[in-house]
């Protein structure tokens, strides 16, 4: 893995309501494959990319939570996210990264683009509605 050439800011999307200063740490179940315990925390330099992650996280926990997007500050080195970098897209157009170190929440951001109901339904069909073993491998 190579270190990213990205200075941020970085964002993380989730269904969890968290205060500024809170630390996101590895060791929790994947939003996309609940049978997988993640060894990394994932971030993106694209605010709307974090929004997509937040909306999918809400869908995967049953749709009753509120999606949250946070500006975050990594406390350790980042590496390209191998789940999208070169695996599915050449380079790293999603500007997605991961770290084994905690990520500190700076603030919640609200100016991200929400998915339309139609777009959310498309994602639900592509990922959420599938059984965990059909969602694809996660390089953890």
Protein backbone atom coordinates (compact mmCIF):
# COMPACT_ATOMS: atom_id res chain seq x y z
CA UNK A 1 0.00 0.00 0.00
CA UNK A 2 1.20 3.46 -0.78
CA UNK A 3 0.54 6.54 1.34
CA UNK A 4 -1.98 8.94 -0.21
CA UNK A 5 -1.05 12.20 -1.87
CA UNK A 6 -4.12 13.82 -0.31
CA UNK A 7 -4.10 16.54 2.33
CA UNK A 8 -7.84 16.36 3.02
CA UNK A 9 -9.94 17.47 4.72
CA UNK A 10 -11.20 13.97 5.41
CA UNK A 11 -14.71 12.78 6.15
CA UNK A 12 -16.38 9.70 7.64
CA UNK A 13 -20.03 8.71 7.21
CA UNK A 14 -21.93 6.64 9.75
CA UNK A 15 -25.28 6.02 11.39
CA UNK A 16 -23.80 6.85 14.81
CA UNK A 17 -24.41 10.21 16.49
CA UNK A 18 -21.03 11.26 17.92
CA UNK A 19 -19.65 14.41 19.55
CA UNK A 20 -16.61 16.42 18.40
CA UNK A 21 -13.45 14.96 19.92
CA UNK A 22 -14.75 11.38 19.88
CA UNK A 23 -12.38 8.79 18.45
CA UNK A 24 -13.44 6.33 15.78
CA UNK A 25 -11.49 3.11 16.17
CA UNK A 26 -11.17 -0.16 14.31
CA UNK A 27 -12.67 -3.33 15.73
CA UNK A 28 -16.33 -2.87 14.79
CA UNK A 29 -18.48 -4.78 12.33
CA UNK A 30 -18.50 -3.67 8.70
CA UNK A 31 -21.51 -1.71 7.46
CA UNK A 32 -21.34 -3.74 4.26
CA UNK A 33 -20.51 -7.18 5.67
CA UNK A 34 -21.73 -7.45 9.29
CA UNK A 35 -19.94 -10.80 9.61
CA UNK A 36 -16.58 -9.00 9.18
CA UNK A 37 -14.91 -7.13 12.06
CA UNK A 38 -12.93 -4.28 10.53
CA UNK A 39 -9.25 -3.78 11.28
CA UNK A 40 -9.28 -0.27 9.81
CA UNK A 41 -11.21 3.00 9.98
CA UNK A 42 -12.18 4.31 6.56
CA UNK A 43 -12.23 7.95 5.47
CA UNK A 44 -12.64 9.84 2.22
CA UNK A 45 -11.66 13.29 1.04
CA UNK A 46 -15.05 13.54 -0.71
CA UNK A 47 -17.80 14.88 1.53
CA UNK A 48 -20.52 13.30 -0.61
CA UNK A 49 -18.66 9.99 -0.58
CA UNK A 50 -18.93 10.02 3.19
CA UNK A 51 -22.61 10.90 2.78
CA UNK A 52 -23.13 7.81 0.64
CA UNK A 53 -21.40 5.70 3.31
CA UNK A 54 -23.61 7.27 5.99
CA UNK A 55 -26.81 6.57 4.07
CA UNK A 56 -25.78 2.98 3.38
CA UNK A 57 -24.86 2.50 7.04
CA UNK A 58 -28.36 3.64 8.00
CA UNK A 59 -29.91 1.24 5.49
CA UNK A 60 -27.85 -1.64 6.81
CA UNK A 61 -28.91 -1.05 10.43
CA UNK A 62 -32.56 -1.04 9.48
CA UNK A 63 -33.21 2.46 8.18
CA UNK A 64 -34.36 4.04 11.44
CA UNK A 65 -31.16 5.94 12.32
CA UNK A 66 -30.05 9.31 10.96
CA UNK A 67 -27.06 9.47 8.60
CA UNK A 68 -24.16 11.56 9.92
CA UNK A 69 -21.13 12.91 8.09
CA UNK A 70 -18.16 14.05 10.15
CA UNK A 71 -15.02 15.93 9.27
CA UNK A 72 -12.32 13.83 10.84
CA UNK A 73 -8.63 14.07 11.62
CA UNK A 74 -6.52 10.92 11.33
CA UNK A 75 -4.20 10.35 14.30
CA UNK A 76 -1.90 8.10 12.28
CA UNK A 77 -0.89 7.37 8.71
CA UNK A 78 -3.43 6.72 5.96
CA UNK A 79 -3.15 4.31 3.07
CA UNK A 80 -5.22 3.97 -0.09
CA UNK A 81 -8.34 1.87 0.45
CA UNK A 82 -7.61 -1.36 -1.44
CA UNK A 83 -11.33 -2.13 -1.67
CA UNK A 84 -11.71 0.55 -4.34
CA UNK A 85 -8.20 1.61 -5.34
CA UNK A 86 -7.15 -0.22 -8.50
CA UNK A 87 -9.45 -3.13 -7.52
CA UNK A 88 -12.58 -1.54 -8.93
CA UNK A 89 -11.35 1.79 -10.25
CA UNK A 90 -7.95 2.76 -11.68
CA UNK A 91 -6.07 4.98 -9.25
CA UNK A 92 -8.14 6.36 -6.38
CA UNK A 93 -10.92 8.52 -7.88
CA UNK A 94 -13.05 8.02 -4.76
CA UNK A 95 -10.23 9.50 -2.65
CA UNK A 96 -10.86 6.70 -0.13
CA UNK A 97 -8.33 5.81 2.54
CA UNK A 98 -8.00 3.69 5.64
CA UNK A 99 -5.95 3.60 8.83
CA UNK A 100 -5.42 1.25 11.74
CA UNK A 101 -5.10 4.25 14.06
CA UNK A 102 -8.01 6.17 15.61
CA UNK A 103 -9.65 9.01 13.73
CA UNK A 104 -10.81 12.06 15.72
CA UNK A 105 -14.12 13.75 14.94
CA UNK A 106 -13.59 17.46 14.31
CA UNK A 107 -17.20 18.42 13.62
CA UNK A 108 -20.37 17.21 11.99
CA UNK A 109 -20.93 18.59 8.48
CA UNK A 110 -24.39 19.14 7.07
CA UNK A 111 -23.71 20.41 3.55
CA UNK A 112 -23.44 17.05 1.82
CA UNK A 113 -25.69 15.86 -0.97
CA UNK A 114 -28.40 13.46 0.14
CA UNK A 115 -29.29 10.62 -2.20
CA UNK A 116 -32.59 10.83 -4.02
CA UNK A 117 -35.08 8.12 -3.07
CA UNK A 118 -34.41 6.51 -6.47
CA UNK A 119 -30.63 6.53 -6.00
CA UNK A 120 -30.98 5.13 -2.49
CA UNK A 121 -33.20 2.35 -3.84
CA UNK A 122 -30.56 1.52 -6.48
CA UNK A 123 -27.86 1.27 -3.80
CA UNK A 124 -30.20 -0.75 -1.60
CA UNK A 125 -30.67 -3.25 -4.44
CA UNK A 126 -26.94 -3.36 -5.23
CA UNK A 127 -25.68 -3.78 -1.68
CA UNK A 128 -28.13 -3.66 1.18
CA UNK A 129 -30.71 -6.16 -0.08
CA UNK A 130 -28.05 -8.76 -0.84
CA UNK A 131 -27.07 -11.37 1.67
CA UNK A 132 -23.73 -10.53 3.35
CA UNK A 133 -21.89 -13.25 1.44
CA UNK A 134 -23.14 -11.74 -1.86
CA UNK A 135 -21.85 -8.23 -1.10
CA UNK A 136 -18.34 -9.00 -2.24
CA UNK A 137 -15.07 -9.50 -0.45
CA UNK A 138 -13.68 -6.82 1.84
CA UNK A 139 -9.91 -6.55 1.83
CA UNK A 140 -9.41 -6.17 5.56
